[in-house]
Amino acid sequence: MEVLRRSSVFAAEVMEVFDRSPTDKELVSQAKALCRDYINSRLVRAGVSWSKPEYNAPVPGGKLAEVSTILLRLGDELEYIRPNVYRNIARQLNISLHSETVVSDAFLAVAAQIFTAGITWGKVVSLYAVAAGLAVDCVRHAQPAMVHTIVDCLGEFVRKTLVTWLKRRGGWADITKCVVNTDPSLRSHWLVAAVCSFGHFLKAIFFVLLPER
């Protein structure tokens, strides 16, 4: 049985609000905290040095930590299915990592494409995997400040696109319902759909980002 990993890093100011209906601001704040944790996990796994102070203030225990553990596990499953899809994101999109505007526009364009046909937890996991893959690229190319840009972009996308959907489900804790077994041979259909669709998103975004001629 796979051992679920505990959440490693969160923004210290994020408070637990799972005992009531969360506000829009709280959902966005939680989304960004989850993104920081997801990115930190992928940076550690990639062996990339990262020691920003705000990434070293974990919130011990609680529902948000459980959500992060589940999100990371589902991300593992998603990336296991197609290990190369969520790596070298910048190269796949053919973008420079030296411009905050380029990175922001590229990430938001990919995010918009992912959710064109609706919102599912599989697509949410895919969004986090894209953010982490792009963040790894940024740190490897000596652009660590871009990590904060990516986190902020994800938070803004959640605010504009996902908050209503999240509130209908009672918040981020709803993702825990996605885990029904620990058998690695039983890959969830929604994960397969998410990863298979992402290749098409990359192709679409590549042409969107091409400069006008």
Protein backbone atom coordinates (compact mmCIF):
# COMPACT_ATOMS: atom_id res chain seq x y z
CA MET A 1 0.00 0.00 0.00
CA GLU A 2 1.32 3.38 -0.95
CA VAL A 3 2.11 5.58 2.01
CA LEU A 4 0.50 8.97 1.59
CA ARG A 5 3.00 11.76 2.02
CA ARG A 6 2.31 14.47 4.53
CA SER A 7 2.08 18.03 3.37
CA SER A 8 5.51 19.64 3.50
CA VAL A 9 5.10 23.36 3.03
CA PHE A 10 2.31 25.95 3.37
CA ALA A 11 1.95 29.69 3.71
CA ALA A 12 1.77 30.41 7.44
CA GLU A 13 -1.15 32.78 7.12
CA VAL A 14 -3.57 30.22 5.64
CA MET A 15 -6.20 29.24 8.21
CA GLU A 16 -8.33 26.12 8.39
CA VAL A 17 -11.92 26.85 7.32
CA PHE A 18 -13.26 23.40 6.55
CA ASP A 19 -15.81 23.50 9.36
CA ARG A 20 -17.87 26.09 7.46
CA SER A 21 -18.48 27.34 3.96
CA PRO A 22 -15.21 28.95 2.79
CA THR A 23 -15.16 32.42 1.29
CA ASP A 24 -13.77 33.19 -2.15
CA LYS A 25 -10.67 34.74 -0.58
CA GLU A 26 -10.07 31.69 1.58
CA LEU A 27 -10.41 29.30 -1.36
CA VAL A 28 -7.89 31.32 -3.37
CA SER A 29 -5.50 31.53 -0.42
CA GLN A 30 -5.75 27.76 0.04
CA ALA A 31 -5.24 27.20 -3.69
CA LYS A 32 -1.99 29.17 -3.56
CA ALA A 33 -0.81 27.35 -0.44
CA LEU A 34 -1.49 24.01 -2.13
CA CYS A 35 0.37 25.23 -5.20
CA ARG A 36 3.42 26.20 -3.14
CA ASP A 37 3.43 22.79 -1.52
CA TYR A 38 3.02 20.99 -4.83
CA ILE A 39 5.80 23.00 -6.44
CA ASN A 40 8.13 22.48 -3.47
CA SER A 41 7.54 18.72 -3.68
CA ARG A 42 8.43 18.67 -7.37
CA LEU A 43 11.51 20.85 -6.87
CA VAL A 44 12.74 18.49 -4.16
CA ARG A 45 12.04 15.48 -6.35
CA ALA A 46 13.92 17.10 -9.25
CA GLY A 47 16.90 17.74 -6.97
CA VAL A 48 16.68 21.49 -7.49
CA SER A 49 17.93 23.71 -4.69
CA TRP A 50 15.19 25.89 -3.25
CA SER A 51 15.28 27.63 0.11
CA LYS A 52 12.86 30.55 0.03
CA PRO A 53 11.87 31.52 3.63
CA GLU A 54 8.14 31.61 2.86
CA TYR A 55 8.36 27.99 1.78
CA ASN A 56 9.52 26.85 5.20
CA ALA A 57 6.48 27.57 7.37
CA PRO A 58 4.32 24.43 7.36
CA VAL A 59 0.85 24.34 8.81
CA PRO A 60 0.86 21.17 10.91
CA GLY A 61 -1.92 18.63 10.39
CA GLY A 62 -5.47 19.60 9.58
CA LYS A 63 -7.65 19.24 6.51
CA LEU A 64 -5.51 21.44 4.27
CA ALA A 65 -2.51 19.19 4.88
CA GLU A 66 -4.67 16.17 4.02
CA VAL A 67 -5.84 17.86 0.83
CA SER A 68 -2.24 18.55 -0.15
CA THR A 69 -1.29 14.93 0.47
CA ILE A 70 -4.12 13.73 -1.77
CA LEU A 71 -3.33 16.32 -4.44
CA LEU A 72 0.30 15.23 -4.51
CA ARG A 73 -0.66 11.58 -4.68
CA LEU A 74 -3.06 12.16 -7.57
CA GLY A 75 -0.36 14.22 -9.25
CA ASP A 76 1.99 11.25 -8.90
CA GLU A 77 -0.60 9.06 -10.60
CA LEU A 78 -1.14 11.56 -13.40
CA GLU A 79 2.57 11.99 -14.04
CA TYR A 80 3.15 8.22 -13.84
CA ILE A 81 0.80 7.63 -16.76
CA ARG A 82 2.75 9.96 -19.07
CA PRO A 83 6.03 10.89 -17.37
CA ASN A 84 7.20 13.25 -20.13
CA VAL A 85 4.05 15.31 -20.52
CA TYR A 86 4.54 17.41 -17.40
CA ARG A 87 8.28 17.92 -17.81
CA ASN A 88 10.08 20.57 -19.86
CA ILE A 89 6.89 22.59 -20.10
CA ALA A 90 8.69 25.73 -21.29
CA ARG A 91 10.37 23.83 -24.11
CA GLN A 92 7.11 22.24 -25.16
CA LEU A 93 5.47 25.66 -25.26
CA ASN A 94 8.54 27.19 -26.89
CA ILE A 95 8.60 30.16 -24.50
CA SER A 96 11.31 32.22 -22.82
CA LEU A 97 11.47 32.14 -19.04
CA HIS A 98 13.06 35.58 -18.74
CA SER A 99 9.82 37.53 -19.09
CA GLU A 100 7.19 37.56 -16.36
CA THR A 101 4.56 38.53 -18.93
CA VAL A 102 5.44 35.63 -21.21
CA VAL A 103 5.39 33.11 -18.35
CA SER A 104 2.10 34.50 -16.98
CA ASP A 105 0.40 34.57 -20.37
CA ALA A 106 1.57 31.07 -21.22
CA PHE A 107 0.41 29.57 -17.94
CA LEU A 108 -2.98 31.28 -18.04
CA ALA A 109 -3.48 30.27 -21.67
CA VAL A 110 -2.77 26.64 -20.83
CA ALA A 111 -5.07 26.84 -17.80
CA ALA A 112 -7.90 28.27 -19.89
CA GLN A 113 -7.50 25.52 -22.48
CA ILE A 114 -7.48 22.77 -19.87
CA PHE A 115 -10.90 23.86 -18.57
CA THR A 116 -12.49 24.74 -21.92
CA ALA A 117 -14.84 21.76 -21.81
CA GLY A 118 -15.68 21.98 -18.10
CA ILE A 119 -14.19 21.45 -14.66
CA THR A 120 -13.20 18.14 -13.08
CA TRP A 121 -10.80 17.22 -10.31
CA GLY A 122 -8.63 15.50 -12.92
CA LYS A 123 -8.20 18.81 -14.71
CA VAL A 124 -7.47 20.58 -11.44
CA VAL A 125 -4.68 18.09 -10.73
CA SER A 126 -3.41 18.63 -14.27
CA LEU A 127 -3.32 22.39 -13.65
CA TYR A 128 -1.14 21.89 -10.57
CA ALA A 129 1.14 19.51 -12.44
CA VAL A 130 1.61 22.13 -15.18
CA ALA A 131 2.37 24.83 -12.60
CA ALA A 132 4.95 22.62 -10.90
CA GLY A 133 6.56 21.54 -14.17
CA LEU A 134 6.88 25.14 -15.27
CA ALA A 135 8.25 26.15 -11.87
CA VAL A 136 10.95 23.47 -12.09
CA ASP A 137 11.91 24.85 -15.51
CA CYS A 138 12.14 28.37 -14.09
CA VAL A 139 14.39 27.42 -11.18
CA ARG A 140 16.62 25.31 -13.41
CA HIS A 141 17.03 28.29 -15.73
CA ALA A 142 18.00 30.62 -12.87
CA GLN A 143 14.62 32.34 -12.73
CA PRO A 144 13.41 31.42 -9.21
CA ALA A 145 11.37 34.62 -8.85
CA MET A 146 9.06 33.27 -11.57
CA VAL A 147 7.84 30.64 -9.12
CA HIS A 148 5.95 33.35 -7.26
CA THR A 149 4.52 34.57 -10.55
CA ILE A 150 3.21 31.09 -11.31
CA VAL A 151 1.65 30.73 -7.84
CA ASP A 152 -0.03 34.12 -8.18
CA CYS A 153 -1.31 33.26 -11.66
CA LEU A 154 -2.80 30.02 -10.42
CA GLY A 155 -4.49 31.88 -7.57
CA GLU A 156 -5.94 34.41 -9.98
CA PHE A 157 -7.18 31.67 -12.28
CA VAL A 158 -8.85 29.91 -9.35
CA ARG A 159 -10.50 33.17 -8.33
CA LYS A 160 -11.93 33.82 -11.79
CA THR A 161 -12.73 30.30 -12.94
CA LEU A 162 -12.83 27.69 -10.18
CA VAL A 163 -14.14 29.37 -7.03
CA THR A 164 -17.84 28.87 -7.80
CA TRP A 165 -17.25 25.21 -8.67
CA LEU A 166 -15.24 24.70 -5.48
CA LYS A 167 -17.91 26.32 -3.31
CA ARG A 168 -20.57 24.00 -4.73
CA ARG A 169 -18.44 21.09 -3.55
CA GLY A 170 -17.79 22.51 -0.12
CA GLY A 171 -14.20 23.49 -0.84
CA TRP A 172 -10.90 21.75 -1.46
CA ALA A 173 -11.66 18.84 0.88
CA ASP A 174 -13.94 17.38 -1.81
CA ILE A 175 -10.84 16.13 -3.64
CA THR A 176 -10.36 13.48 -0.96
CA LYS A 177 -13.34 11.64 -2.45
CA CYS A 178 -11.25 10.92 -5.55
CA VAL A 179 -9.12 8.40 -3.65
CA VAL A 180 -10.93 5.08 -3.45
CA ASN A 181 -8.04 2.61 -3.46
CA THR A 182 -4.25 2.37 -3.30
CA ASP A 183 -3.77 -0.24 -6.04
CA PRO A 184 -1.34 1.30 -8.56
CA SER A 185 -2.71 -0.95 -11.31
CA LEU A 186 -6.11 0.74 -11.09
CA ARG A 187 -5.56 4.09 -12.81
CA SER A 188 -8.61 6.33 -12.57
CA HIS A 189 -10.34 7.08 -15.85
CA TRP A 190 -10.45 10.80 -15.09
CA LEU A 191 -6.66 10.88 -14.77
CA VAL A 192 -6.23 9.17 -18.11
CA ALA A 193 -8.61 11.65 -19.70
CA ALA A 194 -6.75 14.59 -18.17
CA VAL A 195 -3.33 13.50 -19.37
CA CYS A 196 -4.50 12.48 -22.84
CA SER A 197 -6.14 15.85 -23.35
CA PHE A 198 -3.10 17.82 -22.23
CA GLY A 199 -1.11 17.00 -25.36
CA HIS A 200 -3.81 18.68 -27.43
CA PHE A 201 -3.76 21.69 -25.10
CA LEU A 202 -0.02 22.11 -25.59
CA LYS A 203 -0.40 22.08 -29.36
CA ALA A 204 -3.22 24.61 -29.20
CA ILE A 205 -1.34 26.92 -26.85
CA PHE A 206 1.81 26.74 -28.96
CA PHE A 207 -0.04 28.36 -31.84
CA VAL A 208 -1.79 30.84 -29.54
CA LEU A 209 1.58 32.02 -28.25
CA LEU A 210 3.19 32.39 -31.64
CA PRO A 211 3.91 36.06 -32.35
CA GLU A 212 1.70 37.74 -34.92
CA ARG A 213 3.23 37.96 -38.37
